[in-house]
Amino acid sequence: MSTAPRKNYFSLIIGTAFLGYGGYRLFTFITGAEYTTFRIIIALGFIILGAFDLYKFFKNRPEEQ
């Protein structure tokens, strides 16, 4: 008898934080803040990592038997 896989709530927290921080940085850039290209790339990286963590959290569903 095996136990059902548990959801990793750390992925939910980190994904939400990364997505929020990256979105905030892009929002401030769009509204007129002066950023270098490197900072914009880092903000996009945070958004991608956050979306991937949220995808992992919601995709990890226990198998029904």
N, C-alpha and C. Protein backbone atom coordinates (compact mmCIF):
# COMPACT_ATOMS: atom_id res chain seq x y z
N MET A 1 0.84 -1.16 0.00
CA MET A 1 0.00 0.00 0.00
C MET A 1 0.90 1.25 0.00
N SER A 2 0.69 2.11 -0.95
CA SER A 2 1.51 3.31 -1.04
C SER A 2 0.69 4.53 -0.63
N THR A 3 1.39 5.52 -0.14
CA THR A 3 0.71 6.74 0.26
C THR A 3 0.53 7.64 -0.96
N ALA A 4 -0.51 8.42 -0.92
CA ALA A 4 -0.79 9.36 -2.02
C ALA A 4 0.23 10.50 -1.99
N PRO A 5 0.68 10.95 -3.15
CA PRO A 5 1.64 12.06 -3.15
C PRO A 5 0.99 13.34 -2.61
N ARG A 6 1.75 14.07 -1.82
CA ARG A 6 1.24 15.29 -1.23
C ARG A 6 1.58 16.47 -2.12
N LYS A 7 0.75 17.49 -2.03
CA LYS A 7 1.03 18.72 -2.78
C LYS A 7 2.14 19.48 -2.08
N ASN A 8 3.02 20.06 -2.87
CA ASN A 8 4.13 20.82 -2.33
C ASN A 8 3.72 22.29 -2.25
N TYR A 9 3.32 22.73 -1.07
CA TYR A 9 2.83 24.09 -0.90
C TYR A 9 3.97 25.11 -0.99
N PHE A 10 5.20 24.67 -0.85
CA PHE A 10 6.33 25.57 -1.05
C PHE A 10 6.36 26.06 -2.49
N SER A 11 6.04 25.19 -3.45
CA SER A 11 5.97 25.60 -4.86
C SER A 11 4.88 26.66 -5.07
N LEU A 12 3.79 26.53 -4.36
CA LEU A 12 2.71 27.51 -4.47
C LEU A 12 3.16 28.87 -3.95
N ILE A 13 3.82 28.87 -2.80
CA ILE A 13 4.26 30.12 -2.19
C ILE A 13 5.34 30.79 -3.04
N ILE A 14 6.35 30.01 -3.44
CA ILE A 14 7.45 30.56 -4.23
C ILE A 14 6.94 31.02 -5.60
N GLY A 15 6.07 30.23 -6.23
CA GLY A 15 5.53 30.60 -7.53
C GLY A 15 4.75 31.90 -7.48
N THR A 16 3.94 32.04 -6.46
CA THR A 16 3.16 33.27 -6.31
C THR A 16 4.08 34.47 -6.06
N ALA A 17 5.10 34.27 -5.21
CA ALA A 17 6.03 35.36 -4.91
C ALA A 17 6.82 35.77 -6.16
N PHE A 18 7.35 34.80 -6.89
CA PHE A 18 8.12 35.11 -8.10
C PHE A 18 7.25 35.80 -9.14
N LEU A 19 6.05 35.29 -9.33
CA LEU A 19 5.15 35.89 -10.32
C LEU A 19 4.77 37.31 -9.91
N GLY A 20 4.50 37.52 -8.64
CA GLY A 20 4.16 38.86 -8.16
C GLY A 20 5.32 39.84 -8.28
N TYR A 21 6.52 39.40 -7.89
CA TYR A 21 7.69 40.29 -7.95
C TYR A 21 8.05 40.62 -9.39
N GLY A 22 8.07 39.63 -10.25
CA GLY A 22 8.38 39.88 -11.66
C GLY A 22 7.33 40.75 -12.32
N GLY A 23 6.07 40.52 -11.99
CA GLY A 23 5.00 41.35 -12.53
C GLY A 23 5.10 42.79 -12.06
N TYR A 24 5.46 42.96 -10.79
CA TYR A 24 5.63 44.31 -10.25
C TYR A 24 6.77 45.03 -10.96
N ARG A 25 7.89 44.35 -11.18
CA ARG A 25 9.03 44.98 -11.85
C ARG A 25 8.68 45.36 -13.28
N LEU A 26 7.97 44.50 -14.00
CA LEU A 26 7.58 44.83 -15.37
C LEU A 26 6.56 45.97 -15.39
N PHE A 27 5.65 45.96 -14.42
CA PHE A 27 4.66 47.02 -14.35
C PHE A 27 5.32 48.37 -14.14
N THR A 28 6.30 48.44 -13.23
CA THR A 28 6.98 49.71 -13.00
C THR A 28 7.80 50.13 -14.22
N PHE A 29 8.33 49.15 -14.95
CA PHE A 29 9.06 49.48 -16.18
C PHE A 29 8.13 50.07 -17.23
N ILE A 30 6.96 49.46 -17.38
CA ILE A 30 6.00 49.92 -18.38
C ILE A 30 5.47 51.31 -18.03
N THR A 31 5.33 51.59 -16.73
CA THR A 31 4.80 52.90 -16.33
C THR A 31 5.86 53.98 -16.26
N GLY A 32 7.12 53.68 -16.64
CA GLY A 32 8.08 54.75 -16.80
C GLY A 32 9.37 54.65 -16.02
N ALA A 33 9.59 53.61 -15.24
CA ALA A 33 10.85 53.50 -14.49
C ALA A 33 12.00 53.18 -15.45
N GLU A 34 13.17 53.70 -15.14
CA GLU A 34 14.34 53.46 -15.97
C GLU A 34 15.05 52.19 -15.51
N TYR A 35 15.01 51.15 -16.31
CA TYR A 35 15.68 49.89 -15.99
C TYR A 35 16.65 49.53 -17.10
N THR A 36 17.72 48.83 -16.72
CA THR A 36 18.63 48.31 -17.72
C THR A 36 18.02 47.05 -18.33
N THR A 37 18.58 46.63 -19.44
CA THR A 37 18.08 45.43 -20.12
C THR A 37 18.24 44.20 -19.23
N PHE A 38 19.32 44.15 -18.47
CA PHE A 38 19.55 43.01 -17.58
C PHE A 38 18.44 42.89 -16.54
N ARG A 39 18.01 43.99 -15.97
CA ARG A 39 16.94 43.95 -14.95
C ARG A 39 15.61 43.51 -15.56
N ILE A 40 15.36 43.88 -16.79
CA ILE A 40 14.13 43.44 -17.46
C ILE A 40 14.18 41.94 -17.71
N ILE A 41 15.34 41.44 -18.12
CA ILE A 41 15.50 40.00 -18.36
C ILE A 41 15.32 39.23 -17.05
N ILE A 42 15.86 39.74 -15.95
CA ILE A 42 15.70 39.09 -14.65
C ILE A 42 14.22 39.08 -14.25
N ALA A 43 13.50 40.16 -14.49
CA ALA A 43 12.07 40.21 -14.16
C ALA A 43 11.30 39.18 -14.99
N LEU A 44 11.63 39.06 -16.27
CA LEU A 44 10.97 38.04 -17.10
C LEU A 44 11.31 36.63 -16.61
N GLY A 45 12.55 36.44 -16.15
CA GLY A 45 12.94 35.15 -15.59
C GLY A 45 12.13 34.80 -14.34
N PHE A 46 11.90 35.80 -13.47
CA PHE A 46 11.08 35.57 -12.29
C PHE A 46 9.66 35.18 -12.68
N ILE A 47 9.11 35.82 -13.69
CA ILE A 47 7.75 35.49 -14.13
C ILE A 47 7.69 34.07 -14.67
N ILE A 48 8.68 33.69 -15.46
CA ILE A 48 8.70 32.34 -16.03
C ILE A 48 8.86 31.29 -14.94
N LEU A 49 9.78 31.53 -13.99
CA LEU A 49 9.97 30.58 -12.89
C LEU A 49 8.72 30.48 -12.01
N GLY A 50 8.08 31.61 -11.76
CA GLY A 50 6.86 31.60 -10.96
C GLY A 50 5.74 30.84 -11.65
N ALA A 51 5.59 31.05 -12.94
CA ALA A 51 4.55 30.33 -13.69
C ALA A 51 4.85 28.83 -13.71
N PHE A 52 6.13 28.47 -13.84
CA PHE A 52 6.50 27.05 -13.83
C PHE A 52 6.22 26.41 -12.47
N ASP A 53 6.53 27.11 -11.39
CA ASP A 53 6.24 26.58 -10.05
C ASP A 53 4.74 26.40 -9.83
N LEU A 54 3.95 27.36 -10.28
CA LEU A 54 2.49 27.23 -10.14
C LEU A 54 1.97 26.08 -11.00
N TYR A 55 2.54 25.90 -12.18
CA TYR A 55 2.15 24.79 -13.04
C TYR A 55 2.46 23.46 -12.36
N LYS A 56 3.65 23.36 -11.75
CA LYS A 56 4.01 22.13 -11.03
C LYS A 56 3.05 21.86 -9.89
N PHE A 57 2.65 22.91 -9.17
CA PHE A 57 1.76 22.74 -8.03
C PHE A 57 0.40 22.23 -8.47
N PHE A 58 -0.18 22.83 -9.50
CA PHE A 58 -1.53 22.45 -9.90
C PHE A 58 -1.56 21.20 -10.76
N LYS A 59 -0.45 20.82 -11.38
CA LYS A 59 -0.41 19.60 -12.18
C LYS A 59 -0.25 18.36 -11.32
N ASN A 60 0.37 18.50 -10.16
CA ASN A 60 0.65 17.37 -9.28
C ASN A 60 -0.64 16.93 -8.58
N ARG A 61 -1.37 16.05 -9.25
CA ARG A 61 -2.61 15.53 -8.68
C ARG A 61 -2.44 14.06 -8.34
N PRO A 62 -2.97 13.63 -7.22
CA PRO A 62 -2.86 12.20 -6.88
C PRO A 62 -3.62 11.33 -7.87
N GLU A 63 -3.05 10.18 -8.15
CA GLU A 63 -3.73 9.25 -9.06
C GLU A 63 -4.90 8.58 -8.35
N GLU A 64 -6.01 8.48 -9.04
CA GLU A 64 -7.18 7.82 -8.48
C GLU A 64 -7.22 6.37 -8.93
N GLN A 65 -7.45 5.47 -7.98
CA GLN A 65 -7.52 4.03 -8.33
C GLN A 65 -8.81 3.45 -7.86
